[in-house]
């Protein structure tokens, strides 16, 4: 088994969502994560704040402060999972609740050093 990082972009805008939407979204995420845990493939992860982000860029170490305009540009969280290969990681990711709100998942294999 290999480790894969799932990076979540976009999805539900928590600042604009109704309390009912928030509750339903959180329940869906909780259920999905619990399902991964029961299968023994969930390594951990966290939701990230959507507060101002900062990027350090290039050889001059230019500092670029957010907020960034488009919500789809913001990494809103991540989890680490175990999968045999990237195809299996893709299948696992397809049940993620982020897709209910047009979100994006970037899947990256974790390189062993």
Protein backbone atom coordinates (compact mmCIF):
# COMPACT_ATOMS: atom_id res chain seq x y z
CA UNK A 1 0.00 0.00 0.00
CA UNK A 2 1.12 3.53 -0.78
CA UNK A 3 0.20 6.78 0.91
CA UNK A 4 -1.73 9.40 -1.04
CA UNK A 5 -2.58 12.95 -0.09
CA UNK A 6 -5.99 14.24 -1.14
CA UNK A 7 -6.00 18.05 -1.34
CA UNK A 8 -9.46 19.61 -1.29
CA UNK A 9 -10.14 22.79 -3.24
CA UNK A 10 -13.39 24.72 -3.47
CA UNK A 11 -16.58 23.07 -2.33
CA UNK A 12 -19.09 24.55 0.08
CA UNK A 13 -18.47 28.18 0.99
CA UNK A 14 -18.93 27.99 4.75
CA UNK A 15 -19.35 31.77 5.01
CA UNK A 16 -22.37 31.74 2.70
CA UNK A 17 -23.95 28.40 3.66
CA UNK A 18 -27.11 28.13 5.72
CA UNK A 19 -26.91 26.36 9.10
CA UNK A 20 -28.79 23.43 7.56
CA UNK A 21 -26.31 23.18 4.67
CA UNK A 22 -23.40 23.30 7.10
CA UNK A 23 -24.87 20.59 9.30
CA UNK A 24 -25.60 18.31 6.35
CA UNK A 25 -22.13 18.87 4.85
CA UNK A 26 -20.39 18.15 8.16
CA UNK A 27 -22.46 14.99 8.64
CA UNK A 28 -21.58 13.81 5.12
CA UNK A 29 -17.87 14.46 5.70
CA UNK A 30 -17.97 12.70 9.09
CA UNK A 31 -19.65 9.65 7.56
CA UNK A 32 -17.18 9.50 4.65
CA UNK A 33 -14.15 9.76 6.94
CA UNK A 34 -15.58 7.13 9.31
CA UNK A 35 -16.05 4.81 6.34
CA UNK A 36 -12.40 5.26 5.33
CA UNK A 37 -11.34 4.63 8.94
CA UNK A 38 -13.35 1.42 9.16
CA UNK A 39 -11.60 0.19 6.00
CA UNK A 40 -8.24 0.95 7.62
CA UNK A 41 -7.15 3.33 4.86
CA UNK A 42 -7.49 6.71 6.60
CA UNK A 43 -4.19 8.12 7.88
CA UNK A 44 -5.49 11.47 9.11
CA UNK A 45 -6.18 14.95 7.89
CA UNK A 46 -7.55 18.35 8.77
CA UNK A 47 -9.74 21.12 7.49
CA UNK A 48 -7.85 24.35 6.89
CA UNK A 49 -9.10 27.82 7.68
CA UNK A 50 -10.13 30.03 4.82
CA UNK A 51 -8.56 33.00 6.51
CA UNK A 52 -6.00 35.00 4.65
CA UNK A 53 -3.34 32.74 3.23
CA UNK A 54 0.26 33.60 2.47
CA UNK A 55 2.45 32.30 -0.33
CA UNK A 56 6.23 32.54 -0.45
CA UNK A 57 7.33 32.39 -4.08
CA UNK A 58 10.46 32.17 -6.20
CA UNK A 59 14.18 32.62 -5.65
CA UNK A 60 13.55 36.10 -4.19
CA UNK A 61 11.16 34.57 -1.65
CA UNK A 62 8.44 37.04 -2.61
CA UNK A 63 5.65 37.05 -0.04
CA UNK A 64 2.14 37.19 -1.48
CA UNK A 65 -0.68 37.69 0.99
CA UNK A 66 -4.22 36.52 0.33
CA UNK A 67 -7.10 36.47 0.33
CA UNK A 68 -7.12 34.80 -3.03
CA UNK A 69 -10.07 35.72 -5.17
CA UNK A 70 -11.42 32.41 -6.37
CA UNK A 71 -12.58 29.85 -3.82
CA UNK A 72 -11.45 27.03 -6.15
CA UNK A 73 -7.86 28.25 -5.66
CA UNK A 74 -8.00 27.76 -1.91
CA UNK A 75 -6.87 24.46 -0.39
CA UNK A 76 -9.58 23.95 2.19
CA UNK A 77 -8.22 20.76 3.73
CA UNK A 78 -6.45 17.50 3.18
CA UNK A 79 -6.44 13.87 4.19
CA UNK A 80 -3.94 11.09 3.80
CA UNK A 81 -5.13 7.67 2.69
CA UNK A 82 -3.64 4.29 1.86
CA UNK A 83 -4.25 2.82 -1.59
CA UNK A 84 -2.63 0.22 -3.83
CA UNK A 85 -2.18 2.73 -6.67
CA UNK A 86 -3.45 6.05 -7.99
CA UNK A 87 -6.40 4.36 -9.71
CA UNK A 88 -7.62 3.03 -6.37
CA UNK A 89 -7.08 6.46 -4.77
CA UNK A 90 -9.25 7.96 -7.52
CA UNK A 91 -12.02 5.46 -6.83
CA UNK A 92 -11.83 6.20 -3.09
CA UNK A 93 -11.98 9.95 -3.72
CA UNK A 94 -15.10 9.74 -5.90
CA UNK A 95 -17.33 9.22 -2.84
CA UNK A 96 -16.09 12.44 -1.21
CA UNK A 97 -18.82 14.92 -0.22
CA UNK A 98 -16.88 17.84 -1.74
CA UNK A 99 -18.33 16.91 -5.12
CA UNK A 100 -21.83 17.79 -3.85
CA UNK A 101 -20.64 21.43 -4.03
CA UNK A 102 -18.55 21.33 -7.23
CA UNK A 103 -15.29 20.86 -5.33
CA UNK A 104 -11.97 19.59 -6.61
CA UNK A 105 -9.65 16.91 -5.24
CA UNK A 106 -5.99 16.82 -6.19
CA UNK A 107 -4.48 13.38 -5.58
CA UNK A 108 -0.74 13.14 -4.93
CA UNK A 109 1.34 10.10 -4.05
CA UNK A 110 3.54 10.68 -1.02
CA UNK A 111 7.18 10.09 -1.95
CA UNK A 112 9.18 8.03 0.51
CA UNK A 113 12.48 9.67 1.41
